[in-house]
């Protein structure tokens, strides 16, 4: 069994795995929530909103518990700073998924039906980037040889997200049937969803640096 950066701290590894599960679930709920919103299934959408809100609270509690454990028990002192920064960045990613769904609930954006497919694609690409960063983090913590492959997938999905968001915004501002205010609102949603993939890539960049430091 490979213990990696956590060495034989099995309890800590289990806590980190559970925290990563929350990040992954939040991204999956985001994808489901956007699909339900576009399908005008309000009740089912509200259920996903409630679930992602609970997951965000649970993720905060888990992060604090892990941070407390790392400080009080002075575990993995040589890597503690990197793990703490990683936790903060992943928690921010989880928060972004929840905030995105709440933004749909608050603003009720009216996306023309012909762009629903691309909005679903954009959301899916951002979710895939989060899934890839979760797998990358697990591989990093275990010093798995699959780390490089997972990190590459984060970059791949971020690029795909960029392509779709750029295409959507160009098409949006060439329409003559929407007011400038309406276009600005939809652009904000497109950018926010795409930004989730950007944040996942930012975490990937930090992870790559941590991995290099560990090799020195």
C-alpha atoms as a PDB file:
ATOM      1  CA  UNK A   1       0.000   0.000   0.000  1.00  0.00           C
ATOM      2  CA  UNK A   2       1.380   3.426  -0.995  1.00  0.00           C
ATOM      3  CA  UNK A   3       1.003   6.001   1.785  1.00  0.00           C
ATOM      4  CA  UNK A   4       2.575   8.886  -0.165  1.00  0.00           C
ATOM      5  CA  UNK A   5       2.714  12.311   1.402  1.00  0.00           C
ATOM      6  CA  UNK A   6       0.534  11.236   4.323  1.00  0.00           C
ATOM      7  CA  UNK A   7       2.888   8.398   5.217  1.00  0.00           C
ATOM      8  CA  UNK A   8       1.024   6.209   7.725  1.00  0.00           C
ATOM      9  CA  UNK A   9      -1.567   8.794   8.796  1.00  0.00           C
ATOM     10  CA  UNK A  10      -4.523   6.660   7.747  1.00  0.00           C
ATOM     11  CA  UNK A  11      -7.029   8.668   9.783  1.00  0.00           C
ATOM     12  CA  UNK A  12      -5.941  11.876   8.107  1.00  0.00           C
ATOM     13  CA  UNK A  13      -6.007  10.247   4.705  1.00  0.00           C
ATOM     14  CA  UNK A  14      -9.579   9.108   5.316  1.00  0.00           C
ATOM     15  CA  UNK A  15     -10.622  12.640   6.328  1.00  0.00           C
ATOM     16  CA  UNK A  16      -9.017  14.120   3.223  1.00  0.00           C
ATOM     17  CA  UNK A  17     -10.721  11.516   1.035  1.00  0.00           C
ATOM     18  CA  UNK A  18     -14.085  12.411   2.565  1.00  0.00           C
ATOM     19  CA  UNK A  19     -13.415  16.122   2.013  1.00  0.00           C
ATOM     20  CA  UNK A  20     -12.532  15.429  -1.631  1.00  0.00           C
ATOM     21  CA  UNK A  21     -15.780  13.472  -1.959  1.00  0.00           C
ATOM     22  CA  UNK A  22     -17.652  16.648  -0.966  1.00  0.00           C
ATOM     23  CA  UNK A  23     -15.854  18.678  -3.648  1.00  0.00           C
ATOM     24  CA  UNK A  24     -16.663  16.046  -6.258  1.00  0.00           C
ATOM     25  CA  UNK A  25     -20.327  15.790  -5.224  1.00  0.00           C
ATOM     26  CA  UNK A  26     -20.724  19.569  -5.316  1.00  0.00           C
ATOM     27  CA  UNK A  27     -19.554  19.653  -8.932  1.00  0.00           C
ATOM     28  CA  UNK A  28     -21.888  16.817  -9.910  1.00  0.00           C
ATOM     29  CA  UNK A  29     -24.790  18.612  -8.227  1.00  0.00           C
ATOM     30  CA  UNK A  30     -23.903  21.752 -10.173  1.00  0.00           C
ATOM     31  CA  UNK A  31     -24.241  19.832 -13.451  1.00  0.00           C
ATOM     32  CA  UNK A  32     -27.540  18.298 -12.387  1.00  0.00           C
ATOM     33  CA  UNK A  33     -28.814  21.632 -11.089  1.00  0.00           C
ATOM     34  CA  UNK A  34     -28.098  23.515 -14.317  1.00  0.00           C
ATOM     35  CA  UNK A  35     -29.780  20.771 -16.331  1.00  0.00           C
ATOM     36  CA  UNK A  36     -32.855  20.885 -14.089  1.00  0.00           C
ATOM     37  CA  UNK A  37     -32.998  24.689 -14.259  1.00  0.00           C
ATOM     38  CA  UNK A  38     -32.946  24.650 -18.053  1.00  0.00           C
ATOM     39  CA  UNK A  39     -35.609  21.931 -18.028  1.00  0.00           C
ATOM     40  CA  UNK A  40     -37.746  24.172 -15.772  1.00  0.00           C
ATOM     41  CA  UNK A  41     -38.018  21.487 -13.101  1.00  0.00           C
ATOM     42  CA  UNK A  42     -38.065  23.923 -10.214  1.00  0.00           C
ATOM     43  CA  UNK A  43     -38.826  21.503  -7.399  1.00  0.00           C
ATOM     44  CA  UNK A  44     -36.042  19.105  -8.404  1.00  0.00           C
ATOM     45  CA  UNK A  45     -33.686  22.078  -8.858  1.00  0.00           C
ATOM     46  CA  UNK A  46     -34.457  23.271  -5.327  1.00  0.00           C
ATOM     47  CA  UNK A  47     -33.612  19.803  -3.993  1.00  0.00           C
ATOM     48  CA  UNK A  48     -30.165  19.984  -5.619  1.00  0.00           C
ATOM     49  CA  UNK A  49     -29.714  23.475  -4.225  1.00  0.00           C
ATOM     50  CA  UNK A  50     -30.471  22.222  -0.731  1.00  0.00           C
ATOM     51  CA  UNK A  51     -28.088  19.273  -1.189  1.00  0.00           C
ATOM     52  CA  UNK A  52     -25.205  21.416  -2.425  1.00  0.00           C
ATOM     53  CA  UNK A  53     -25.729  23.877   0.435  1.00  0.00           C
ATOM     54  CA  UNK A  54     -25.498  21.032   2.967  1.00  0.00           C
ATOM     55  CA  UNK A  55     -22.391  19.676   1.237  1.00  0.00           C
ATOM     56  CA  UNK A  56     -20.751  23.103   1.388  1.00  0.00           C
ATOM     57  CA  UNK A  57     -21.396  23.295   5.140  1.00  0.00           C
ATOM     58  CA  UNK A  58     -20.103  19.746   5.616  1.00  0.00           C
ATOM     59  CA  UNK A  59     -17.022  20.578   3.537  1.00  0.00           C
ATOM     60  CA  UNK A  60     -16.290  23.613   5.745  1.00  0.00           C
ATOM     61  CA  UNK A  61     -16.568  21.474   8.888  1.00  0.00           C
ATOM     62  CA  UNK A  62     -14.284  18.808   7.406  1.00  0.00           C
ATOM     63  CA  UNK A  63     -11.699  21.357   6.307  1.00  0.00           C
ATOM     64  CA  UNK A  64     -11.583  22.925   9.771  1.00  0.00           C
ATOM     65  CA  UNK A  65     -11.280  19.499  11.425  1.00  0.00           C
ATOM     66  CA  UNK A  66      -8.370  18.557   9.139  1.00  0.00           C
ATOM     67  CA  UNK A  67      -6.628  21.892   9.707  1.00  0.00           C
ATOM     68  CA  UNK A  68      -7.025  21.522  13.475  1.00  0.00           C
ATOM     69  CA  UNK A  69      -5.642  18.000  13.361  1.00  0.00           C
ATOM     70  CA  UNK A  70      -2.654  19.081  11.294  1.00  0.00           C
ATOM     71  CA  UNK A  71      -1.792  21.875  13.751  1.00  0.00           C
ATOM     72  CA  UNK A  72      -2.526  20.234  17.082  1.00  0.00           C
ATOM     73  CA  UNK A  73      -0.939  16.872  16.309  1.00  0.00           C
ATOM     74  CA  UNK A  74       1.828  18.477  14.222  1.00  0.00           C
ATOM     75  CA  UNK A  75       1.336  15.883  11.479  1.00  0.00           C
ATOM     76  CA  UNK A  76       3.406  15.772   8.253  1.00  0.00           C
ATOM     77  CA  UNK A  77       5.327  18.967   9.253  1.00  0.00           C
ATOM     78  CA  UNK A  78       7.354  18.938   6.023  1.00  0.00           C
ATOM     79  CA  UNK A  79       4.198  19.099   3.860  1.00  0.00           C
ATOM     80  CA  UNK A  80       1.699  20.743   6.181  1.00  0.00           C
ATOM     81  CA  UNK A  81       1.812  24.159   4.507  1.00  0.00           C
ATOM     82  CA  UNK A  82       1.187  22.705   1.065  1.00  0.00           C
ATOM     83  CA  UNK A  83      -1.718  20.563   2.280  1.00  0.00           C
ATOM     84  CA  UNK A  84      -3.321  23.508   4.093  1.00  0.00           C
ATOM     85  CA  UNK A  85      -3.104  25.720   1.006  1.00  0.00           C
ATOM     86  CA  UNK A  86      -4.504  22.909  -1.082  1.00  0.00           C
ATOM     87  CA  UNK A  87      -7.463  22.544   1.281  1.00  0.00           C
ATOM     88  CA  UNK A  88      -8.256  26.261   1.063  1.00  0.00           C
ATOM     89  CA  UNK A  89      -8.181  26.239  -2.734  1.00  0.00           C
ATOM     90  CA  UNK A  90     -10.354  23.140  -3.021  1.00  0.00           C
ATOM     91  CA  UNK A  91     -12.806  24.588  -0.518  1.00  0.00           C
ATOM     92  CA  UNK A  92     -13.012  27.729  -2.650  1.00  0.00           C
ATOM     93  CA  UNK A  93     -13.809  25.527  -5.658  1.00  0.00           C
ATOM     94  CA  UNK A  94     -16.606  23.838  -3.710  1.00  0.00           C
ATOM     95  CA  UNK A  95     -17.969  27.256  -2.700  1.00  0.00           C
ATOM     96  CA  UNK A  96     -17.974  28.349  -6.349  1.00  0.00           C
ATOM     97  CA  UNK A  97     -20.149  25.388  -7.359  1.00  0.00           C
ATOM     98  CA  UNK A  98     -22.680  26.217  -4.643  1.00  0.00           C
ATOM     99  CA  UNK A  99     -22.614  29.952  -5.400  1.00  0.00           C
ATOM    100  CA  UNK A 100     -23.251  29.249  -9.090  1.00  0.00           C
ATOM    101  CA  UNK A 101     -26.441  27.314  -8.402  1.00  0.00           C
ATOM    102  CA  UNK A 102     -27.645  30.015  -5.993  1.00  0.00           C
ATOM    103  CA  UNK A 103     -27.024  32.595  -8.719  1.00  0.00           C
ATOM    104  CA  UNK A 104     -29.461  30.715 -10.960  1.00  0.00           C
ATOM    105  CA  UNK A 105     -32.009  30.662  -8.139  1.00  0.00           C
ATOM    106  CA  UNK A 106     -31.651  34.385  -7.407  1.00  0.00           C
ATOM    107  CA  UNK A 107     -31.491  35.851 -10.926  1.00  0.00           C
ATOM    108  CA  UNK A 108     -33.568  33.315 -12.919  1.00  0.00           C
ATOM    109  CA  UNK A 109     -31.593  33.973 -16.136  1.00  0.00           C
ATOM    110  CA  UNK A 110     -33.573  33.499 -19.338  1.00  0.00           C
ATOM    111  CA  UNK A 111     -31.291  31.567 -21.692  1.00  0.00           C
ATOM    112  CA  UNK A 112     -32.723  31.201 -25.224  1.00  0.00           C
ATOM    113  CA  UNK A 113     -33.565  27.542 -25.844  1.00  0.00           C
ATOM    114  CA  UNK A 114     -31.131  27.244 -28.766  1.00  0.00           C
ATOM    115  CA  UNK A 115     -28.144  27.822 -26.427  1.00  0.00           C
ATOM    116  CA  UNK A 116     -29.225  25.288 -23.779  1.00  0.00           C
ATOM    117  CA  UNK A 117     -27.094  22.569 -25.366  1.00  0.00           C
ATOM    118  CA  UNK A 118     -23.940  24.655 -25.246  1.00  0.00           C
ATOM    119  CA  UNK A 119     -24.662  25.807 -21.703  1.00  0.00           C
ATOM    120  CA  UNK A 120     -24.968  22.156 -20.648  1.00  0.00           C
ATOM    121  CA  UNK A 121     -21.685  21.401 -22.461  1.00  0.00           C
ATOM    122  CA  UNK A 122     -19.951  24.323 -20.758  1.00  0.00           C
ATOM    123  CA  UNK A 123     -21.170  23.214 -17.347  1.00  0.00           C
ATOM    124  CA  UNK A 124     -20.139  19.639 -18.047  1.00  0.00           C
ATOM    125  CA  UNK A 125     -16.615  20.704 -19.092  1.00  0.00           C
ATOM    126  CA  UNK A 126     -16.185  22.730 -15.899  1.00  0.00           C
ATOM    127  CA  UNK A 127     -17.465  19.810 -13.823  1.00  0.00           C
ATOM    128  CA  UNK A 128     -15.015  17.463 -15.573  1.00  0.00           C
ATOM    129  CA  UNK A 129     -12.190  19.838 -14.660  1.00  0.00           C
ATOM    130  CA  UNK A 130     -13.236  19.652 -10.997  1.00  0.00           C
ATOM    131  CA  UNK A 131     -13.458  15.872 -11.163  1.00  0.00           C
ATOM    132  CA  UNK A 132      -9.965  15.772 -12.677  1.00  0.00           C
ATOM    133  CA  UNK A 133      -8.512  18.004  -9.951  1.00  0.00           C
ATOM    134  CA  UNK A 134     -10.070  15.775  -7.282  1.00  0.00           C
ATOM    135  CA  UNK A 135      -8.438  12.730  -8.899  1.00  0.00           C
ATOM    136  CA  UNK A 136      -5.161  14.674  -9.211  1.00  0.00           C
ATOM    137  CA  UNK A 137      -5.222  15.538  -5.515  1.00  0.00           C
ATOM    138  CA  UNK A 138      -5.851  11.948  -4.481  1.00  0.00           C
ATOM    139  CA  UNK A 139      -2.958  10.856  -6.716  1.00  0.00           C
ATOM    140  CA  UNK A 140      -0.715  13.583  -5.269  1.00  0.00           C
ATOM    141  CA  UNK A 141      -1.460  12.570  -1.680  1.00  0.00           C
ATOM    142  CA  UNK A 142      -0.718   8.928  -2.488  1.00  0.00           C
ATOM    143  CA  UNK A 143       2.271   9.674  -4.741  1.00  0.00           C
ATOM    144  CA  UNK A 144       0.507   7.778  -7.515  1.00  0.00           C
ATOM    145  CA  UNK A 145       2.075   7.474 -10.990  1.00  0.00           C
ATOM    146  CA  UNK A 146      -1.311   8.544 -12.427  1.00  0.00           C
ATOM    147  CA  UNK A 147      -0.792  12.078 -11.081  1.00  0.00           C
ATOM    148  CA  UNK A 148       0.565  13.525 -14.350  1.00  0.00           C
ATOM    149  CA  UNK A 149      -2.282  12.052 -16.382  1.00  0.00           C
ATOM    150  CA  UNK A 150      -4.955  13.510 -14.090  1.00  0.00           C
ATOM    151  CA  UNK A 151      -3.256  16.924 -14.064  1.00  0.00           C
ATOM    152  CA  UNK A 152      -3.244  16.911 -17.869  1.00  0.00           C
ATOM    153  CA  UNK A 153      -7.011  16.238 -17.871  1.00  0.00           C
ATOM    154  CA  UNK A 154      -7.619  19.373 -15.783  1.00  0.00           C
ATOM    155  CA  UNK A 155      -5.868  21.460 -18.418  1.00  0.00           C
ATOM    156  CA  UNK A 156      -7.729  19.672 -21.214  1.00  0.00           C
ATOM    157  CA  UNK A 157     -11.175  20.384 -19.762  1.00  0.00           C
ATOM    158  CA  UNK A 158     -10.264  23.984 -18.923  1.00  0.00           C
ATOM    159  CA  UNK A 159      -9.309  24.518 -22.562  1.00  0.00           C
ATOM    160  CA  UNK A 160     -12.572  22.945 -23.743  1.00  0.00           C
ATOM    161  CA  UNK A 161     -14.483  25.181 -21.336  1.00  0.00           C
ATOM    162  CA  UNK A 162     -12.706  28.250 -22.741  1.00  0.00           C
ATOM    163  CA  UNK A 163     -13.620  27.274 -26.299  1.00  0.00           C
ATOM    164  CA  UNK A 164     -17.306  26.869 -25.510  1.00  0.00           C
ATOM    165  CA  UNK A 165     -17.568  30.028 -23.386  1.00  0.00           C
ATOM    166  CA  UNK A 166     -15.845  32.132 -26.066  1.00  0.00           C
ATOM    167  CA  UNK A 167     -18.100  30.720 -28.770  1.00  0.00           C
ATOM    168  CA  UNK A 168     -21.189  31.333 -26.654  1.00  0.00           C
ATOM    169  CA  UNK A 169     -20.287  34.935 -25.861  1.00  0.00           C
ATOM    170  CA  UNK A 170     -19.472  35.751 -29.496  1.00  0.00           C
ATOM    171  CA  UNK A 171     -22.831  34.342 -30.595  1.00  0.00           C
ATOM    172  CA  UNK A 172     -24.613  36.101 -27.743  1.00  0.00           C
ATOM    173  CA  UNK A 173     -23.385  39.583 -28.670  1.00  0.00           C
ATOM    174  CA  UNK A 174     -24.250  39.090 -32.338  1.00  0.00           C
ATOM    175  CA  UNK A 175     -27.904  38.485 -31.561  1.00  0.00           C
ATOM    176  CA  UNK A 176     -30.340  41.295 -32.294  1.00  0.00           C
ATOM    177  CA  UNK A 177     -33.290  39.895 -30.368  1.00  0.00           C
ATOM    178  CA  UNK A 178     -31.854  40.470 -26.878  1.00  0.00           C
ATOM    179  CA  UNK A 179     -31.293  43.727 -25.021  1.00  0.00           C
ATOM    180  CA  UNK A 180     -27.761  44.707 -24.014  1.00  0.00           C
ATOM    181  CA  UNK A 181     -28.761  44.260 -20.367  1.00  0.00           C
ATOM    182  CA  UNK A 182     -30.003  40.726 -21.062  1.00  0.00           C
ATOM    183  CA  UNK A 183     -26.777  39.883 -22.914  1.00  0.00           C
ATOM    184  CA  UNK A 184     -24.675  41.231 -20.040  1.00  0.00           C
ATOM    185  CA  UNK A 185     -26.539  39.054 -17.553  1.00  0.00           C
ATOM    186  CA  UNK A 186     -26.123  35.885 -19.637  1.00  0.00           C
ATOM    187  CA  UNK A 187     -22.451  36.700 -20.253  1.00  0.00           C
ATOM    188  CA  UNK A 188     -21.917  36.879 -16.499  1.00  0.00           C
ATOM    189  CA  UNK A 189     -23.367  33.383 -16.062  1.00  0.00           C
ATOM    190  CA  UNK A 190     -21.229  31.990 -18.892  1.00  0.00           C
ATOM    191  CA  UNK A 191     -18.083  33.541 -17.408  1.00  0.00           C
ATOM    192  CA  UNK A 192     -18.868  32.328 -13.895  1.00  0.00           C
ATOM    193  CA  UNK A 193     -19.345  28.735 -15.042  1.00  0.00           C
ATOM    194  CA  UNK A 194     -16.165  28.897 -17.132  1.00  0.00           C
ATOM    195  CA  UNK A 195     -14.336  30.422 -14.155  1.00  0.00           C
ATOM    196  CA  UNK A 196     -14.868  27.192 -12.205  1.00  0.00           C
ATOM    197  CA  UNK A 197     -12.653  25.390 -14.747  1.00  0.00           C
ATOM    198  CA  UNK A 198     -10.117  28.233 -14.448  1.00  0.00           C
ATOM    199  CA  UNK A 199     -10.012  27.778 -10.684  1.00  0.00           C
ATOM    200  CA  UNK A 200      -9.532  24.029 -11.070  1.00  0.00           C
ATOM    201  CA  UNK A 201      -6.558  24.753 -13.343  1.00  0.00           C
ATOM    202  CA  UNK A 202      -5.151  27.172 -10.750  1.00  0.00           C
ATOM    203  CA  UNK A 203      -5.264  24.345  -8.187  1.00  0.00           C
ATOM    204  CA  UNK A 204      -3.568  22.060 -10.720  1.00  0.00           C
ATOM    205  CA  UNK A 205      -0.752  24.596 -11.160  1.00  0.00           C
ATOM    206  CA  UNK A 206      -0.188  24.690  -7.397  1.00  0.00           C
ATOM    207  CA  UNK A 207      -0.295  20.906  -7.187  1.00  0.00           C
ATOM    208  CA  UNK A 208       2.376  20.665  -9.878  1.00  0.00           C
ATOM    209  CA  UNK A 209       4.613  22.999  -7.866  1.00  0.00           C
ATOM    210  CA  UNK A 210       4.050  20.936  -4.700  1.00  0.00           C
ATOM    211  CA  UNK A 211       4.954  17.794  -6.613  1.00  0.00           C
ATOM    212  CA  UNK A 212       8.200  19.371  -7.887  1.00  0.00           C
ATOM    213  CA  UNK A 213       9.103  20.541  -4.363  1.00  0.00           C
ATOM    214  CA  UNK A 214       8.650  17.007  -3.119  1.00  0.00           C
ATOM    215  CA  UNK A 215      11.111  15.709  -5.717  1.00  0.00           C
ATOM    216  CA  UNK A 216      13.875  18.155  -4.686  1.00  0.00           C
END
